[in-house]
Amino acid sequence: MSMNVVFAVEFAAVLAMFYALYMAVSLKGEMQGGIIGRNWTFLVSLVGLFAAGYVAMPFLGRLSSEVLQLVVAVIFLFGAVYVVVTINLIRRIIRILSE
């Protein structure tokens, strides 16, 4: 596969992630605090971590195989944490709205 295609996809991913980070930070100002606000702060932190990872993506190919496997495992771990926190947040919002 052409490196130009890979670079274009990586660049698009970085732009999309920074847009997601911008949206998450913008919404933080609308949070009233409490459980939702605390969870949102944690989610924004995870989005920031993923954004940093996306920026580092072009350089990961220079790492040794062992270190690269560790980086991928950590990304999977934080991705799973993000999904769990998001589902719990949505569940709490649904509970609040159904009261």
PDB file of N, CA and C in Angstrom:
ATOM      1  N   MET A   1       0.848  -1.182   0.000  1.00  0.00           N
ATOM      2  CA  MET A   1       0.000   0.000   0.000  1.00  0.00           C
ATOM      3  C   MET A   1       0.890   1.240   0.000  1.00  0.00           C
ATOM      4  N   SER A   2       0.493   2.233  -0.718  1.00  0.00           N
ATOM      5  CA  SER A   2       1.251   3.460  -0.845  1.00  0.00           C
ATOM      6  C   SER A   2       1.317   4.199   0.499  1.00  0.00           C
ATOM      7  N   MET A   3       2.492   4.728   0.802  1.00  0.00           N
ATOM      8  CA  MET A   3       2.658   5.490   2.044  1.00  0.00           C
ATOM      9  C   MET A   3       1.824   6.755   2.020  1.00  0.00           C
ATOM     10  N   ASN A   4       1.524   7.285   0.830  1.00  0.00           N
ATOM     11  CA  ASN A   4       0.672   8.467   0.740  1.00  0.00           C
ATOM     12  C   ASN A   4      -0.728   8.168   1.231  1.00  0.00           C
ATOM     13  N   VAL A   5      -1.242   6.979   0.918  1.00  0.00           N
ATOM     14  CA  VAL A   5      -2.575   6.588   1.375  1.00  0.00           C
ATOM     15  C   VAL A   5      -2.562   6.421   2.892  1.00  0.00           C
ATOM     16  N   VAL A   6      -1.537   5.759   3.409  1.00  0.00           N
ATOM     17  CA  VAL A   6      -1.429   5.562   4.856  1.00  0.00           C
ATOM     18  C   VAL A   6      -1.346   6.909   5.563  1.00  0.00           C
ATOM     19  N   PHE A   7      -0.516   7.805   5.054  1.00  0.00           N
ATOM     20  CA  PHE A   7      -0.392   9.134   5.651  1.00  0.00           C
ATOM     21  C   PHE A   7      -1.720   9.879   5.611  1.00  0.00           C
ATOM     22  N   ALA A   8      -2.431   9.804   4.501  1.00  0.00           N
ATOM     23  CA  ALA A   8      -3.717  10.497   4.384  1.00  0.00           C
ATOM     24  C   ALA A   8      -4.726   9.963   5.392  1.00  0.00           C
ATOM     25  N   VAL A   9      -4.765   8.653   5.561  1.00  0.00           N
ATOM     26  CA  VAL A   9      -5.693   8.059   6.531  1.00  0.00           C
ATOM     27  C   VAL A   9      -5.297   8.452   7.957  1.00  0.00           C
ATOM     28  N   GLU A  10      -4.011   8.393   8.271  1.00  0.00           N
ATOM     29  CA  GLU A  10      -3.556   8.796   9.598  1.00  0.00           C
ATOM     30  C   GLU A  10      -3.853  10.264   9.860  1.00  0.00           C
ATOM     31  N   PHE A  11      -3.637  11.113   8.878  1.00  0.00           N
ATOM     32  CA  PHE A  11      -3.907  12.536   9.025  1.00  0.00           C
ATOM     33  C   PHE A  11      -5.399  12.784   9.245  1.00  0.00           C
ATOM     34  N   ALA A  12      -6.243  12.098   8.493  1.00  0.00           N
ATOM     35  CA  ALA A  12      -7.686  12.224   8.675  1.00  0.00           C
ATOM     36  C   ALA A  12      -8.097  11.759  10.072  1.00  0.00           C
ATOM     37  N   ALA A  13      -7.475  10.678  10.559  1.00  0.00           N
ATOM     38  CA  ALA A  13      -7.779  10.178  11.898  1.00  0.00           C
ATOM     39  C   ALA A  13      -7.385  11.197  12.963  1.00  0.00           C
ATOM     40  N   VAL A  14      -6.235  11.823  12.801  1.00  0.00           N
ATOM     41  CA  VAL A  14      -5.793  12.844  13.762  1.00  0.00           C
ATOM     42  C   VAL A  14      -6.760  14.019  13.756  1.00  0.00           C
ATOM     43  N   LEU A  15      -7.148  14.481  12.580  1.00  0.00           N
ATOM     44  CA  LEU A  15      -8.107  15.591  12.502  1.00  0.00           C
ATOM     45  C   LEU A  15      -9.435  15.234  13.161  1.00  0.00           C
ATOM     46  N   ALA A  16      -9.928  14.031  12.891  1.00  0.00           N
ATOM     47  CA  ALA A  16     -11.200  13.603  13.483  1.00  0.00           C
ATOM     48  C   ALA A  16     -11.092  13.516  15.004  1.00  0.00           C
ATOM     49  N   MET A  17      -9.984  13.011  15.508  1.00  0.00           N
ATOM     50  CA  MET A  17      -9.824  12.884  16.961  1.00  0.00           C
ATOM     51  C   MET A  17      -9.701  14.251  17.622  1.00  0.00           C
ATOM     52  N   PHE A  18      -8.996  15.174  17.000  1.00  0.00           N
ATOM     53  CA  PHE A  18      -8.906  16.509  17.588  1.00  0.00           C
ATOM     54  C   PHE A  18     -10.253  17.240  17.520  1.00  0.00           C
ATOM     55  N   TYR A  19     -11.045  16.962  16.502  1.00  0.00           N
ATOM     56  CA  TYR A  19     -12.404  17.514  16.462  1.00  0.00           C
ATOM     57  C   TYR A  19     -13.237  16.917  17.591  1.00  0.00           C
ATOM     58  N   ALA A  20     -13.102  15.624  17.831  1.00  0.00           N
ATOM     59  CA  ALA A  20     -13.812  14.980  18.941  1.00  0.00           C
ATOM     60  C   ALA A  20     -13.366  15.576  20.275  1.00  0.00           C
ATOM     61  N   LEU A  21     -12.077  15.815  20.420  1.00  0.00           N
ATOM     62  CA  LEU A  21     -11.571  16.431  21.651  1.00  0.00           C
ATOM     63  C   LEU A  21     -12.133  17.833  21.825  1.00  0.00           C
ATOM     64  N   TYR A  22     -12.172  18.602  20.756  1.00  0.00           N
ATOM     65  CA  TYR A  22     -12.756  19.951  20.808  1.00  0.00           C
ATOM     66  C   TYR A  22     -14.227  19.896  21.234  1.00  0.00           C
ATOM     67  N   MET A  23     -14.984  18.967  20.642  1.00  0.00           N
ATOM     68  CA  MET A  23     -16.402  18.848  21.006  1.00  0.00           C
ATOM     69  C   MET A  23     -16.556  18.434  22.466  1.00  0.00           C
ATOM     70  N   ALA A  24     -15.741  17.496  22.928  1.00  0.00           N
ATOM     71  CA  ALA A  24     -15.834  17.026  24.312  1.00  0.00           C
ATOM     72  C   ALA A  24     -15.503  18.143  25.298  1.00  0.00           C
ATOM     73  N   VAL A  25     -14.458  18.908  25.000  1.00  0.00           N
ATOM     74  CA  VAL A  25     -14.089  20.022  25.879  1.00  0.00           C
ATOM     75  C   VAL A  25     -15.168  21.101  25.845  1.00  0.00           C
ATOM     76  N   SER A  26     -15.744  21.365  24.682  1.00  0.00           N
ATOM     77  CA  SER A  26     -16.805  22.369  24.568  1.00  0.00           C
ATOM     78  C   SER A  26     -18.026  21.976  25.389  1.00  0.00           C
ATOM     79  N   LEU A  27     -18.377  20.695  25.373  1.00  0.00           N
ATOM     80  CA  LEU A  27     -19.534  20.227  26.145  1.00  0.00           C
ATOM     81  C   LEU A  27     -19.273  20.268  27.642  1.00  0.00           C
ATOM     82  N   LYS A  28     -18.030  20.186  28.051  1.00  0.00           N
ATOM     83  CA  LYS A  28     -17.694  20.188  29.477  1.00  0.00           C
ATOM     84  C   LYS A  28     -18.221  21.446  30.148  1.00  0.00           C
ATOM     85  N   GLY A  29     -18.198  22.561  29.465  1.00  0.00           N
ATOM     86  CA  GLY A  29     -18.702  23.810  30.026  1.00  0.00           C
ATOM     87  C   GLY A  29     -20.198  23.785  30.304  1.00  0.00           C
ATOM     88  N   GLU A  30     -20.922  22.904  29.647  1.00  0.00           N
ATOM     89  CA  GLU A  30     -22.360  22.797  29.845  1.00  0.00           C
ATOM     90  C   GLU A  30     -22.734  21.809  30.950  1.00  0.00           C
ATOM     91  N   MET A  31     -21.750  21.104  31.503  1.00  0.00           N
ATOM     92  CA  MET A  31     -22.018  20.120  32.538  1.00  0.00           C
ATOM     93  C   MET A  31     -22.202  20.831  33.870  1.00  0.00           C
ATOM     94  N   GLN A  32     -23.163  20.359  34.646  1.00  0.00           N
ATOM     95  CA  GLN A  32     -23.474  20.964  35.932  1.00  0.00           C
ATOM     96  C   GLN A  32     -22.629  20.381  37.064  1.00  0.00           C
ATOM     97  N   GLY A  33     -21.877  19.358  36.804  1.00  0.00           N
ATOM     98  CA  GLY A  33     -21.100  18.695  37.851  1.00  0.00           C
ATOM     99  C   GLY A  33     -21.784  17.401  38.249  1.00  0.00           C
ATOM    100  N   GLY A  34     -21.549  16.970  39.452  1.00  0.00           N
ATOM    101  CA  GLY A  34     -22.147  15.729  39.918  1.00  0.00           C
ATOM    102  C   GLY A  34     -21.555  14.532  39.195  1.00  0.00           C
ATOM    103  N   ILE A  35     -22.311  13.458  39.174  1.00  0.00           N
ATOM    104  CA  ILE A  35     -21.840  12.211  38.566  1.00  0.00           C
ATOM    105  C   ILE A  35     -21.538  12.406  37.084  1.00  0.00           C
ATOM    106  N   ILE A  36     -22.434  13.079  36.382  1.00  0.00           N
ATOM    107  CA  ILE A  36     -22.241  13.265  34.945  1.00  0.00           C
ATOM    108  C   ILE A  36     -21.003  14.125  34.676  1.00  0.00           C
ATOM    109  N   GLY A  37     -20.843  15.189  35.418  1.00  0.00           N
ATOM    110  CA  GLY A  37     -19.688  16.063  35.231  1.00  0.00           C
ATOM    111  C   GLY A  37     -18.368  15.365  35.512  1.00  0.00           C
ATOM    112  N   ARG A  38     -18.332  14.558  36.587  1.00  0.00           N
ATOM    113  CA  ARG A  38     -17.102  13.823  36.914  1.00  0.00           C
ATOM    114  C   ARG A  38     -16.776  12.800  35.835  1.00  0.00           C
ATOM    115  N   ASN A  39     -17.795  12.077  35.395  1.00  0.00           N
ATOM    116  CA  ASN A  39     -17.563  11.090  34.338  1.00  0.00           C
ATOM    117  C   ASN A  39     -17.136  11.774  33.048  1.00  0.00           C
ATOM    118  N   TRP A  40     -17.731  12.913  32.770  1.00  0.00           N
ATOM    119  CA  TRP A  40     -17.380  13.619  31.534  1.00  0.00           C
ATOM    120  C   TRP A  40     -15.932  14.077  31.571  1.00  0.00           C
ATOM    121  N   THR A  41     -15.480  14.553  32.730  1.00  0.00           N
ATOM    122  CA  THR A  41     -14.083  14.966  32.864  1.00  0.00           C
ATOM    123  C   THR A  41     -13.151  13.798  32.573  1.00  0.00           C
ATOM    124  N   PHE A  42     -13.503  12.620  33.085  1.00  0.00           N
ATOM    125  CA  PHE A  42     -12.696  11.432  32.837  1.00  0.00           C
ATOM    126  C   PHE A  42     -12.721  11.070  31.352  1.00  0.00           C
ATOM    127  N   LEU A  43     -13.888  11.154  30.730  1.00  0.00           N
ATOM    128  CA  LEU A  43     -13.997  10.851  29.300  1.00  0.00           C
ATOM    129  C   LEU A  43     -13.173  11.832  28.463  1.00  0.00           C
ATOM    130  N   VAL A  44     -13.210  13.103  28.827  1.00  0.00           N
ATOM    131  CA  VAL A  44     -12.409  14.100  28.109  1.00  0.00           C
ATOM    132  C   VAL A  44     -10.923  13.772  28.245  1.00  0.00           C
ATOM    133  N   SER A  45     -10.517  13.330  29.422  1.00  0.00           N
ATOM    134  CA  SER A  45      -9.120  12.939  29.622  1.00  0.00           C
ATOM    135  C   SER A  45      -8.745  11.762  28.725  1.00  0.00           C
ATOM    136  N   LEU A  46      -9.643  10.788  28.611  1.00  0.00           N
ATOM    137  CA  LEU A  46      -9.371   9.641  27.738  1.00  0.00           C
ATOM    138  C   LEU A  46      -9.320  10.063  26.273  1.00  0.00           C
ATOM    139  N   VAL A  47     -10.201  10.969  25.856  1.00  0.00           N
ATOM    140  CA  VAL A  47     -10.165  11.461  24.476  1.00  0.00           C
ATOM    141  C   VAL A  47      -8.842  12.178  24.225  1.00  0.00           C
ATOM    142  N   GLY A  48      -8.381  12.956  25.198  1.00  0.00           N
ATOM    143  CA  GLY A  48      -7.075  13.623  25.072  1.00  0.00           C
ATOM    144  C   GLY A  48      -5.941  12.622  24.946  1.00  0.00           C
ATOM    145  N   LEU A  49      -6.022  11.542  25.720  1.00  0.00           N
ATOM    146  CA  LEU A  49      -5.014  10.487  25.634  1.00  0.00           C
ATOM    147  C   LEU A  49      -5.028   9.831  24.258  1.00  0.00           C
ATOM    148  N   PHE A  50      -6.231   9.552  23.745  1.00  0.00           N
ATOM    149  CA  PHE A  50      -6.329   8.959  22.411  1.00  0.00           C
ATOM    150  C   PHE A  50      -5.820   9.938  21.346  1.00  0.00           C
ATOM    151  N   ALA A  51      -6.110  11.227  21.503  1.00  0.00           N
ATOM    152  CA  ALA A  51      -5.618  12.218  20.537  1.00  0.00           C
ATOM    153  C   ALA A  51      -4.086  12.219  20.512  1.00  0.00           C
ATOM    154  N   ALA A  52      -3.471  12.141  21.689  1.00  0.00           N
ATOM    155  CA  ALA A  52      -2.010  12.085  21.749  1.00  0.00           C
ATOM    156  C   ALA A  52      -1.498  10.811  21.075  1.00  0.00           C
ATOM    157  N   GLY A  53      -2.209   9.722  21.273  1.00  0.00           N
ATOM    158  CA  GLY A  53      -1.829   8.472  20.620  1.00  0.00           C
ATOM    159  C   GLY A  53      -1.936   8.554  19.111  1.00  0.00           C
ATOM    160  N   TYR A  54      -2.972   9.229  18.629  1.00  0.00           N
ATOM    161  CA  TYR A  54      -3.141   9.375  17.183  1.00  0.00           C
ATOM    162  C   TYR A  54      -2.001  10.200  16.588  1.00  0.00           C
ATOM    163  N   VAL A  55      -1.566  11.231  17.320  1.00  0.00           N
ATOM    164  CA  VAL A  55      -0.450  12.044  16.837  1.00  0.00           C
ATOM    165  C   VAL A  55       0.839  11.221  16.824  1.00  0.00           C
ATOM    166  N   ALA A  56       0.988  10.325  17.802  1.00  0.00           N
ATOM    167  CA  ALA A  56       2.192   9.490  17.886  1.00  0.00           C
ATOM    168  C   ALA A  56       2.172   8.336  16.892  1.00  0.00           C
ATOM    169  N   MET A  57       1.021   8.062  16.290  1.00  0.00           N
ATOM    170  CA  MET A  57       0.862   6.897  15.414  1.00  0.00           C
ATOM    171  C   MET A  57       1.943   6.777  14.331  1.00  0.00           C
ATOM    172  N   PRO A  58       2.314   7.836  13.637  1.00  0.00           N
ATOM    173  CA  PRO A  58       3.332   7.680  12.584  1.00  0.00           C
ATOM    174  C   PRO A  58       4.697   7.238  13.112  1.00  0.00           C
ATOM    175  N   PHE A  59       4.939   7.450  14.398  1.00  0.00           N
ATOM    176  CA  PHE A  59       6.240   7.132  14.966  1.00  0.00           C
ATOM    177  C   PHE A  59       6.282   5.749  15.611  1.00  0.00           C
ATOM    178  N   LEU A  60       5.138   5.095  15.754  1.00  0.00           N
ATOM    179  CA  LEU A  60       5.086   3.803  16.434  1.00  0.00           C
ATOM    180  C   LEU A  60       5.806   2.710  15.659  1.00  0.00           C
ATOM    181  N   GLY A  61       5.926   2.853  14.365  1.00  0.00           N
ATOM    182  CA  GLY A  61       6.614   1.855  13.556  1.00  0.00           C
ATOM    183  C   GLY A  61       8.097   1.752  13.855  1.00  0.00           C
ATOM    184  N   ARG A  62       8.629   2.735  14.531  1.00  0.00           N
ATOM    185  CA  ARG A  62      10.061   2.733  14.865  1.00  0.00           C
ATOM    186  C   ARG A  62      10.349   1.987  16.170  1.00  0.00           C
ATOM    187  N   LEU A  63       9.296   1.587  16.874  1.00  0.00           N
ATOM    188  CA  LEU A  63       9.479   0.891  18.152  1.00  0.00           C
ATOM    189  C   LEU A  63       9.788  -0.584  17.922  1.00  0.00           C
ATOM    190  N   SER A  64      10.406  -1.201  18.923  1.00  0.00           N
ATOM    191  CA  SER A  64      10.650  -2.638  18.847  1.00  0.00           C
ATOM    192  C   SER A  64       9.310  -3.369  18.922  1.00  0.00           C
ATOM    193  N   SER A  65       9.301  -4.596  18.519  1.00  0.00           N
ATOM    194  CA  SER A  65       8.079  -5.397  18.491  1.00  0.00           C
ATOM    195  C   SER A  65       7.457  -5.523  19.886  1.00  0.00           C
ATOM    196  N   GLU A  66       8.278  -5.717  20.898  1.00  0.00           N
ATOM    197  CA  GLU A  66       7.781  -5.880  22.256  1.00  0.00           C
ATOM    198  C   GLU A  66       7.123  -4.602  22.771  1.00  0.00           C
ATOM    199  N   VAL A  67       7.787  -3.484  22.538  1.00  0.00           N
ATOM    200  CA  VAL A  67       7.246  -2.202  22.993  1.00  0.00           C
ATOM    201  C   VAL A  67       5.964  -1.883  22.223  1.00  0.00           C
ATOM    202  N   LEU A  68       5.943  -2.166  20.935  1.00  0.00           N
ATOM    203  CA  LEU A  68       4.753  -1.920  20.130  1.00  0.00           C
ATOM    204  C   LEU A  68       3.576  -2.756  20.631  1.00  0.00           C
ATOM    205  N   GLN A  69       3.816  -4.011  20.999  1.00  0.00           N
ATOM    206  CA  GLN A  69       2.755  -4.851  21.545  1.00  0.00           C
ATOM    207  C   GLN A  69       2.231  -4.281  22.859  1.00  0.00           C
ATOM    208  N   LEU A  70       3.124  -3.748  23.689  1.00  0.00           N
ATOM    209  CA  LEU A  70       2.698  -3.129  24.942  1.00  0.00           C
ATOM    210  C   LEU A  70       1.852  -1.890  24.674  1.00  0.00           C
ATOM    211  N   VAL A  71       2.272  -1.073  23.733  1.00  0.00           N
ATOM    212  CA  VAL A  71       1.506   0.137  23.385  1.00  0.00           C
ATOM    213  C   VAL A  71       0.112  -0.247  22.901  1.00  0.00           C
ATOM    214  N   VAL A  72       0.015  -1.245  22.041  1.00  0.00           N
ATOM    215  CA  VAL A  72      -1.285  -1.693  21.541  1.00  0.00           C
ATOM    216  C   VAL A  72      -2.149  -2.214  22.686  1.00  0.00           C
ATOM    217  N   ALA A  73      -1.557  -2.974  23.604  1.00  0.00           N
ATOM    218  CA  ALA A  73      -2.307  -3.504  24.745  1.00  0.00           C
ATOM    219  C   ALA A  73      -2.841  -2.375  25.621  1.00  0.00           C
ATOM    220  N   VAL A  74      -2.028  -1.343  25.841  1.00  0.00           N
ATOM    221  CA  VAL A  74      -2.471  -0.198  26.649  1.00  0.00           C
ATOM    222  C   VAL A  74      -3.590   0.542  25.936  1.00  0.00           C
ATOM    223  N   ILE A  75      -3.479   0.707  24.634  1.00  0.00           N
ATOM    224  CA  ILE A  75      -4.546   1.363  23.860  1.00  0.00           C
ATOM    225  C   ILE A  75      -5.836   0.571  23.981  1.00  0.00           C
ATOM    226  N   PHE A  76      -5.765  -0.753  23.861  1.00  0.00           N
ATOM    227  CA  PHE A  76      -6.957  -1.590  24.015  1.00  0.00           C
ATOM    228  C   PHE A  76      -7.551  -1.442  25.412  1.00  0.00           C
ATOM    229  N   LEU A  77      -6.700  -1.402  26.428  1.00  0.00           N
ATOM    230  CA  LEU A  77      -7.179  -1.250  27.802  1.00  0.00           C
ATOM    231  C   LEU A  77      -7.928   0.066  27.982  1.00  0.00           C
ATOM    232  N   PHE A  78      -7.323   1.165  27.560  1.00  0.00           N
ATOM    233  CA  PHE A  78      -7.977   2.457  27.715  1.00  0.00           C
ATOM    234  C   PHE A  78      -9.217   2.569  26.834  1.00  0.00           C
ATOM    235  N   GLY A  79      -9.201   1.914  25.690  1.00  0.00           N
ATOM    236  CA  GLY A  79     -10.403   1.879  24.858  1.00  0.00           C
ATOM    237  C   GLY A  79     -11.547   1.166  25.555  1.00  0.00           C
ATOM    238  N   ALA A  80     -11.235   0.054  26.211  1.00  0.00           N
ATOM    239  CA  ALA A  80     -12.253  -0.682  26.956  1.00  0.00           C
ATOM    240  C   ALA A  80     -12.777   0.144  28.128  1.00  0.00           C
ATOM    241  N   VAL A  81     -11.891   0.827  28.830  1.00  0.00           N
ATOM    242  CA  VAL A  81     -12.311   1.693  29.943  1.00  0.00           C
ATOM    243  C   VAL A  81     -13.226   2.792  29.416  1.00  0.00           C
ATOM    244  N   TYR A  82     -12.878   3.372  28.280  1.00  0.00           N
ATOM    245  CA  TYR A  82     -13.706   4.422  27.680  1.00  0.00           C
ATOM    246  C   TYR A  82     -15.113   3.898  27.392  1.00  0.00           C
ATOM    247  N   VAL A  83     -15.202   2.714  26.831  1.00  0.00           N
ATOM    248  CA  VAL A  83     -16.510   2.138  26.504  1.00  0.00           C
ATOM    249  C   VAL A  83     -17.315   1.893  27.776  1.00  0.00           C
ATOM    250  N   VAL A  84     -16.688   1.334  28.811  1.00  0.00           N
ATOM    251  CA  VAL A  84     -17.399   1.059  30.066  1.00  0.00           C
ATOM    252  C   VAL A  84     -17.897   2.356  30.705  1.00  0.00           C
ATOM    253  N   VAL A  85     -17.051   3.375  30.764  1.00  0.00           N
ATOM    254  CA  VAL A  85     -17.457   4.654  31.359  1.00  0.00           C
ATOM    255  C   VAL A  85     -18.580   5.283  30.546  1.00  0.00           C
ATOM    256  N   THR A  86     -18.490   5.216  29.229  1.00  0.00           N
ATOM    257  CA  THR A  86     -19.535   5.787  28.370  1.00  0.00           C
ATOM    258  C   THR A  86     -20.861   5.070  28.584  1.00  0.00           C
ATOM    259  N   ILE A  87     -20.848   3.758  28.626  1.00  0.00           N
ATOM    260  CA  ILE A  87     -22.096   3.007  28.833  1.00  0.00           C
ATOM    261  C   ILE A  87     -22.684   3.316  30.206  1.00  0.00           C
ATOM    262  N   ASN A  88     -21.850   3.375  31.238  1.00  0.00           N
ATOM    263  CA  ASN A  88     -22.352   3.715  32.568  1.00  0.00           C
ATOM    264  C   ASN A  88     -22.930   5.125  32.606  1.00  0.00           C
ATOM    265  N   LEU A  89     -22.292   6.051  31.927  1.00  0.00           N
ATOM    266  CA  LEU A  89     -22.792   7.426  31.873  1.00  0.00           C
ATOM    267  C   LEU A  89     -24.142   7.476  31.171  1.00  0.00           C
ATOM    268  N   ILE A  90     -24.272   6.784  30.066  1.00  0.00           N
ATOM    269  CA  ILE A  90     -25.547   6.757  29.343  1.00  0.00           C
ATOM    270  C   ILE A  90     -26.627   6.111  30.203  1.00  0.00           C
ATOM    271  N   ARG A  91     -26.283   5.045  30.902  1.00  0.00           N
ATOM    272  CA  ARG A  91     -27.253   4.385  31.784  1.00  0.00           C
ATOM    273  C   ARG A  91     -27.729   5.339  32.871  1.00  0.00           C
ATOM    274  N   ARG A  92     -26.814   6.093  33.472  1.00  0.00           N
ATOM    275  CA  ARG A  92     -27.203   7.064  34.507  1.00  0.00           C
ATOM    276  C   ARG A  92     -28.088   8.166  33.937  1.00  0.00           C
ATOM    277  N   ILE A  93     -27.772   8.626  32.746  1.00  0.00           N
ATOM    278  CA  ILE A  93     -28.591   9.667  32.119  1.00  0.00           C
ATOM    279  C   ILE A  93     -29.993   9.136  31.855  1.00  0.00           C
ATOM    280  N   ILE A  94     -30.097   7.909  31.366  1.00  0.00           N
ATOM    281  CA  ILE A  94     -31.406   7.312  31.109  1.00  0.00           C
ATOM    282  C   ILE A  94     -32.194   7.186  32.409  1.00  0.00           C
ATOM    283  N   ARG A  95     -31.552   6.766  33.483  1.00  0.00           N
ATOM    284  CA  ARG A  95     -32.227   6.683  34.783  1.00  0.00           C
ATOM    285  C   ARG A  95     -32.749   8.033  35.223  1.00  0.00           C
ATOM    286  N   ILE A  96     -31.913   9.063  35.088  1.00  0.00           N
ATOM    287  CA  ILE A  96     -32.326  10.415  35.501  1.00  0.00           C
ATOM    288  C   ILE A  96     -33.501  10.893  34.661  1.00  0.00           C
ATOM    289  N   LEU A  97     -33.444  10.663  33.357  1.00  0.00           N
ATOM    290  CA  LEU A  97     -34.519  11.138  32.478  1.00  0.00           C
ATOM    291  C   LEU A  97     -35.812  10.358  32.670  1.00  0.00           C
ATOM    292  N   SER A  98     -35.727   9.117  33.125  1.00  0.00           N
ATOM    293  CA  SER A  98     -36.937   8.321  33.290  1.00  0.00           C
ATOM    294  C   SER A  98     -37.602   8.526  34.652  1.00  0.00           C
ATOM    295  N   GLU A  99     -36.983   9.299  35.529  1.00  0.00           N
ATOM    296  CA  GLU A  99     -37.587   9.563  36.850  1.00  0.00           C
ATOM    297  C   GLU A  99     -38.707  10.564  36.746  1.00  0.00           C
TER     298      GLU A  99
END
